[in-house]
Amino acid sequence: MLSRQASHALKALLELAAKPLEWQSTHALATAQHLPEPMLEQLLLRLRRAGLLDARRGRVGGYRLTRPARDISMDQILTGLGEALRNNPNRSEPLEPASSPADQVTYALQLRLERVRQKALAELSLEDLLFDLRSAVAGSDGEVGVMLG
């Protein structure tokens, strides 16, 4: 499950990915996505510190992606936001093998699920999400249906 902050950050990243060569201000991003500007600024700063965004001051400044959207994974985004571990609701409980065979099986299942989750986040790129967004927009315009995933 994505946190509200991760969801807001993804909306801004999708705006940036749609216009990769343009510098976009926090105000423009917040306005386009109906997001609270002060909170968005904090999220963008985290992503800049994580190396996902470039920032430039001035009238024509703002933010843009440091690399193509296809080279930015969901795992990198969530890690940059400090939320990579938040996606696993059981993460607060240590994954320890227990003594009974049934406990060992459930422990092994937890490990498998965590590996699958990590792999999926590493393989899902910002470009994939941009494709989904464009499909959703096309579908809402009465064109062909949405193709997600």
C-alpha atoms as a PDB file:
ATOM      1  CA  MET A   1       0.000   0.000   0.000  1.00  0.00           C
ATOM      2  CA  LEU A   2       1.298   3.448  -0.861  1.00  0.00           C
ATOM      3  CA  SER A   3       1.287   6.187   1.735  1.00  0.00           C
ATOM      4  CA  ARG A   4      -0.364   9.501   0.921  1.00  0.00           C
ATOM      5  CA  GLN A   5       3.081  11.099   0.627  1.00  0.00           C
ATOM      6  CA  ALA A   6       4.299   8.450  -1.812  1.00  0.00           C
ATOM      7  CA  SER A   7       1.144   8.898  -3.856  1.00  0.00           C
ATOM      8  CA  HIS A   8       1.665  12.684  -3.970  1.00  0.00           C
ATOM      9  CA  ALA A   9       5.316  12.264  -4.935  1.00  0.00           C
ATOM     10  CA  LEU A  10       4.382   9.844  -7.732  1.00  0.00           C
ATOM     11  CA  LYS A  11       1.891  12.343  -9.151  1.00  0.00           C
ATOM     12  CA  ALA A  12       4.621  14.988  -9.308  1.00  0.00           C
ATOM     13  CA  LEU A  13       7.125  12.519 -10.781  1.00  0.00           C
ATOM     14  CA  LEU A  14       4.630  11.585 -13.489  1.00  0.00           C
ATOM     15  CA  GLU A  15       4.281  15.285 -14.378  1.00  0.00           C
ATOM     16  CA  LEU A  16       8.053  15.537 -14.605  1.00  0.00           C
ATOM     17  CA  ALA A  17       8.328  12.320 -16.627  1.00  0.00           C
ATOM     18  CA  ALA A  18       5.742  13.570 -19.120  1.00  0.00           C
ATOM     19  CA  LYS A  19       7.978  16.582 -19.904  1.00  0.00           C
ATOM     20  CA  PRO A  20      11.482  15.284 -19.182  1.00  0.00           C
ATOM     21  CA  LEU A  21      13.436  18.199 -20.660  1.00  0.00           C
ATOM     22  CA  GLU A  22      11.457  20.950 -18.918  1.00  0.00           C
ATOM     23  CA  TRP A  23      12.202  22.460 -15.543  1.00  0.00           C
ATOM     24  CA  GLN A  24       8.970  22.549 -13.555  1.00  0.00           C
ATOM     25  CA  SER A  25       8.444  24.580 -10.412  1.00  0.00           C
ATOM     26  CA  THR A  26       6.978  23.180  -7.231  1.00  0.00           C
ATOM     27  CA  HIS A  27       4.082  25.585  -7.659  1.00  0.00           C
ATOM     28  CA  ALA A  28       3.356  24.343 -11.195  1.00  0.00           C
ATOM     29  CA  LEU A  29       3.554  20.695 -10.103  1.00  0.00           C
ATOM     30  CA  ALA A  30       1.350  21.305  -7.065  1.00  0.00           C
ATOM     31  CA  THR A  31      -1.207  23.207  -9.127  1.00  0.00           C
ATOM     32  CA  ALA A  32      -1.323  20.605 -11.908  1.00  0.00           C
ATOM     33  CA  GLN A  33      -1.902  17.751  -9.456  1.00  0.00           C
ATOM     34  CA  HIS A  34      -3.930  19.649  -6.818  1.00  0.00           C
ATOM     35  CA  LEU A  35      -1.319  18.943  -4.143  1.00  0.00           C
ATOM     36  CA  PRO A  36      -0.317  20.971  -1.078  1.00  0.00           C
ATOM     37  CA  GLU A  37       2.758  22.927  -2.165  1.00  0.00           C
ATOM     38  CA  PRO A  38       4.721  22.936   1.148  1.00  0.00           C
ATOM     39  CA  MET A  39       4.426  19.171   1.532  1.00  0.00           C
ATOM     40  CA  LEU A  40       5.308  18.601  -2.127  1.00  0.00           C
ATOM     41  CA  GLU A  41       8.422  20.739  -1.733  1.00  0.00           C
ATOM     42  CA  GLN A  42       9.601  18.493   1.106  1.00  0.00           C
ATOM     43  CA  LEU A  43       8.981  15.367  -0.979  1.00  0.00           C
ATOM     44  CA  LEU A  44      10.826  16.796  -3.973  1.00  0.00           C
ATOM     45  CA  LEU A  45      13.782  17.702  -1.744  1.00  0.00           C
ATOM     46  CA  ARG A  46      13.961  14.099  -0.506  1.00  0.00           C
ATOM     47  CA  LEU A  47      13.919  12.831  -4.089  1.00  0.00           C
ATOM     48  CA  ARG A  48      16.637  15.323  -5.044  1.00  0.00           C
ATOM     49  CA  ARG A  49      18.802  14.104  -2.142  1.00  0.00           C
ATOM     50  CA  ALA A  50      18.208  10.538  -3.378  1.00  0.00           C
ATOM     51  CA  GLY A  51      19.593  11.516  -6.793  1.00  0.00           C
ATOM     52  CA  LEU A  52      16.319  11.178  -8.686  1.00  0.00           C
ATOM     53  CA  LEU A  53      15.781  14.885  -9.351  1.00  0.00           C
ATOM     54  CA  ASP A  54      17.867  17.863 -10.402  1.00  0.00           C
ATOM     55  CA  ALA A  55      16.958  21.251  -8.976  1.00  0.00           C
ATOM     56  CA  ARG A  56      17.656  24.719 -10.344  1.00  0.00           C
ATOM     57  CA  ARG A  57      16.901  28.060  -8.745  1.00  0.00           C
ATOM     58  CA  GLY A  58      15.572  31.113 -10.485  1.00  0.00           C
ATOM     59  CA  ARG A  59      12.658  32.234 -12.593  1.00  0.00           C
ATOM     60  CA  VAL A  60      13.100  29.386 -15.077  1.00  0.00           C
ATOM     61  CA  GLY A  61      14.203  26.908 -12.445  1.00  0.00           C
ATOM     62  CA  GLY A  62      12.442  24.068 -10.774  1.00  0.00           C
ATOM     63  CA  TYR A  63      12.877  20.314 -10.901  1.00  0.00           C
ATOM     64  CA  ARG A  64      13.407  17.671 -13.542  1.00  0.00           C
ATOM     65  CA  LEU A  65      14.369  14.009 -13.585  1.00  0.00           C
ATOM     66  CA  THR A  66      18.085  13.193 -13.419  1.00  0.00           C
ATOM     67  CA  ARG A  67      17.680  10.327 -15.882  1.00  0.00           C
ATOM     68  CA  PRO A  68      15.056   8.828 -18.194  1.00  0.00           C
ATOM     69  CA  ALA A  69      11.864   7.549 -16.536  1.00  0.00           C
ATOM     70  CA  ARG A  70      12.664   4.005 -17.705  1.00  0.00           C
ATOM     71  CA  ASP A  71      15.765   4.094 -15.471  1.00  0.00           C
ATOM     72  CA  ILE A  72      13.899   5.078 -12.297  1.00  0.00           C
ATOM     73  CA  SER A  73      12.283   2.186 -10.441  1.00  0.00           C
ATOM     74  CA  MET A  74       9.506   2.251  -7.872  1.00  0.00           C
ATOM     75  CA  ASP A  75      11.975   0.784  -5.414  1.00  0.00           C
ATOM     76  CA  GLN A  76      14.304   3.775  -5.927  1.00  0.00           C
ATOM     77  CA  ILE A  77      11.410   6.202  -5.510  1.00  0.00           C
ATOM     78  CA  LEU A  78      10.141   4.624  -2.301  1.00  0.00           C
ATOM     79  CA  THR A  79      13.660   4.335  -0.919  1.00  0.00           C
ATOM     80  CA  GLY A  80      14.271   7.997  -1.779  1.00  0.00           C
ATOM     81  CA  LEU A  81      11.152   8.945   0.135  1.00  0.00           C
ATOM     82  CA  GLY A  82      12.254   6.814   3.070  1.00  0.00           C
ATOM     83  CA  GLU A  83       9.263   4.536   2.612  1.00  0.00           C
ATOM     84  CA  ALA A  84      10.687   1.355   1.129  1.00  0.00           C
ATOM     85  CA  LEU A  85      10.073  -0.619   4.299  1.00  0.00           C
ATOM     86  CA  ARG A  86       6.636   0.853   4.890  1.00  0.00           C
ATOM     87  CA  ASN A  87       5.142  -1.207   2.077  1.00  0.00           C
ATOM     88  CA  ASN A  88       5.394  -4.404   4.136  1.00  0.00           C
ATOM     89  CA  PRO A  89       2.863  -4.154   6.979  1.00  0.00           C
ATOM     90  CA  ASN A  90       4.560  -7.008   8.870  1.00  0.00           C
ATOM     91  CA  ARG A  91       8.014  -5.426   8.627  1.00  0.00           C
ATOM     92  CA  SER A  92       7.797  -4.134  12.210  1.00  0.00           C
ATOM     93  CA  GLU A  93       7.783  -7.770  13.331  1.00  0.00           C
ATOM     94  CA  PRO A  94      11.141  -9.440  12.726  1.00  0.00           C
ATOM     95  CA  LEU A  95      11.048 -12.305  10.278  1.00  0.00           C
ATOM     96  CA  GLU A  96      12.405 -15.113  12.436  1.00  0.00           C
ATOM     97  CA  PRO A  97      12.067 -18.816  11.883  1.00  0.00           C
ATOM     98  CA  ALA A  98       9.958 -20.420  14.571  1.00  0.00           C
ATOM     99  CA  SER A  99      10.145 -23.883  16.037  1.00  0.00           C
ATOM    100  CA  SER A 100       7.075 -25.678  14.679  1.00  0.00           C
ATOM    101  CA  PRO A 101       6.904 -26.913  11.071  1.00  0.00           C
ATOM    102  CA  ALA A 102       3.823 -24.736  10.438  1.00  0.00           C
ATOM    103  CA  ASP A 103       5.681 -21.679  11.757  1.00  0.00           C
ATOM    104  CA  GLN A 104       8.622 -22.510   9.500  1.00  0.00           C
ATOM    105  CA  VAL A 105       6.315 -22.702   6.480  1.00  0.00           C
ATOM    106  CA  THR A 106       4.687 -19.359   7.263  1.00  0.00           C
ATOM    107  CA  TYR A 107       8.132 -17.822   7.817  1.00  0.00           C
ATOM    108  CA  ALA A 108       9.284 -19.145   4.434  1.00  0.00           C
ATOM    109  CA  LEU A 109       6.146 -17.710   2.849  1.00  0.00           C
ATOM    110  CA  GLN A 110       6.859 -14.286   4.361  1.00  0.00           C
ATOM    111  CA  LEU A 111      10.364 -14.380   2.905  1.00  0.00           C
ATOM    112  CA  ARG A 112       9.046 -15.402  -0.526  1.00  0.00           C
ATOM    113  CA  LEU A 113       6.456 -12.633  -0.517  1.00  0.00           C
ATOM    114  CA  GLU A 114       9.079 -10.075   0.472  1.00  0.00           C
ATOM    115  CA  ARG A 115      11.361 -11.214  -2.381  1.00  0.00           C
ATOM    116  CA  VAL A 116       8.487 -11.010  -4.879  1.00  0.00           C
ATOM    117  CA  ARG A 117       7.554  -7.529  -3.632  1.00  0.00           C
ATOM    118  CA  GLN A 118      11.146  -6.299  -3.869  1.00  0.00           C
ATOM    119  CA  LYS A 119      11.525  -7.746  -7.375  1.00  0.00           C
ATOM    120  CA  ALA A 120       8.261  -6.171  -8.553  1.00  0.00           C
ATOM    121  CA  LEU A 121       9.240  -2.752  -7.177  1.00  0.00           C
ATOM    122  CA  ALA A 122      12.682  -2.994  -8.772  1.00  0.00           C
ATOM    123  CA  GLU A 123      11.217  -3.958 -12.164  1.00  0.00           C
ATOM    124  CA  LEU A 124       8.390  -1.390 -12.247  1.00  0.00           C
ATOM    125  CA  SER A 125       9.704   1.855 -13.700  1.00  0.00           C
ATOM    126  CA  LEU A 126       8.374   5.372 -13.729  1.00  0.00           C
ATOM    127  CA  GLU A 127       8.040   4.938 -17.499  1.00  0.00           C
ATOM    128  CA  ASP A 128       5.672   1.992 -16.908  1.00  0.00           C
ATOM    129  CA  LEU A 129       3.509   4.212 -14.718  1.00  0.00           C
ATOM    130  CA  LEU A 130       3.621   6.989 -17.318  1.00  0.00           C
ATOM    131  CA  PHE A 131       2.357   4.484 -19.908  1.00  0.00           C
ATOM    132  CA  ASP A 132      -0.483   3.548 -17.521  1.00  0.00           C
ATOM    133  CA  LEU A 133      -1.284   7.237 -17.019  1.00  0.00           C
ATOM    134  CA  ARG A 134      -1.415   7.890 -20.747  1.00  0.00           C
ATOM    135  CA  SER A 135      -3.663   4.854 -21.191  1.00  0.00           C
ATOM    136  CA  ALA A 136      -5.963   6.098 -18.430  1.00  0.00           C
ATOM    137  CA  VAL A 137      -6.138   9.564 -20.003  1.00  0.00           C
ATOM    138  CA  ALA A 138      -6.880   8.067 -23.420  1.00  0.00           C
ATOM    139  CA  GLY A 139      -9.574   5.881 -21.872  1.00  0.00           C
ATOM    140  CA  SER A 140     -11.209   8.825 -20.131  1.00  0.00           C
ATOM    141  CA  ASP A 141     -11.372  10.680 -23.460  1.00  0.00           C
ATOM    142  CA  GLY A 142     -13.695   8.004 -24.816  1.00  0.00           C
ATOM    143  CA  GLU A 143     -10.934   6.247 -26.740  1.00  0.00           C
ATOM    144  CA  VAL A 144      -9.804   2.651 -26.297  1.00  0.00           C
ATOM    145  CA  GLY A 145     -10.004   1.251 -22.760  1.00  0.00           C
ATOM    146  CA  VAL A 146      -7.304   1.508 -20.138  1.00  0.00           C
ATOM    147  CA  MET A 147      -4.411  -0.972 -20.256  1.00  0.00           C
ATOM    148  CA  LEU A 148      -2.861  -1.072 -16.806  1.00  0.00           C
ATOM    149  CA  GLY A 149       0.033  -3.254 -15.769  1.00  0.00           C
END
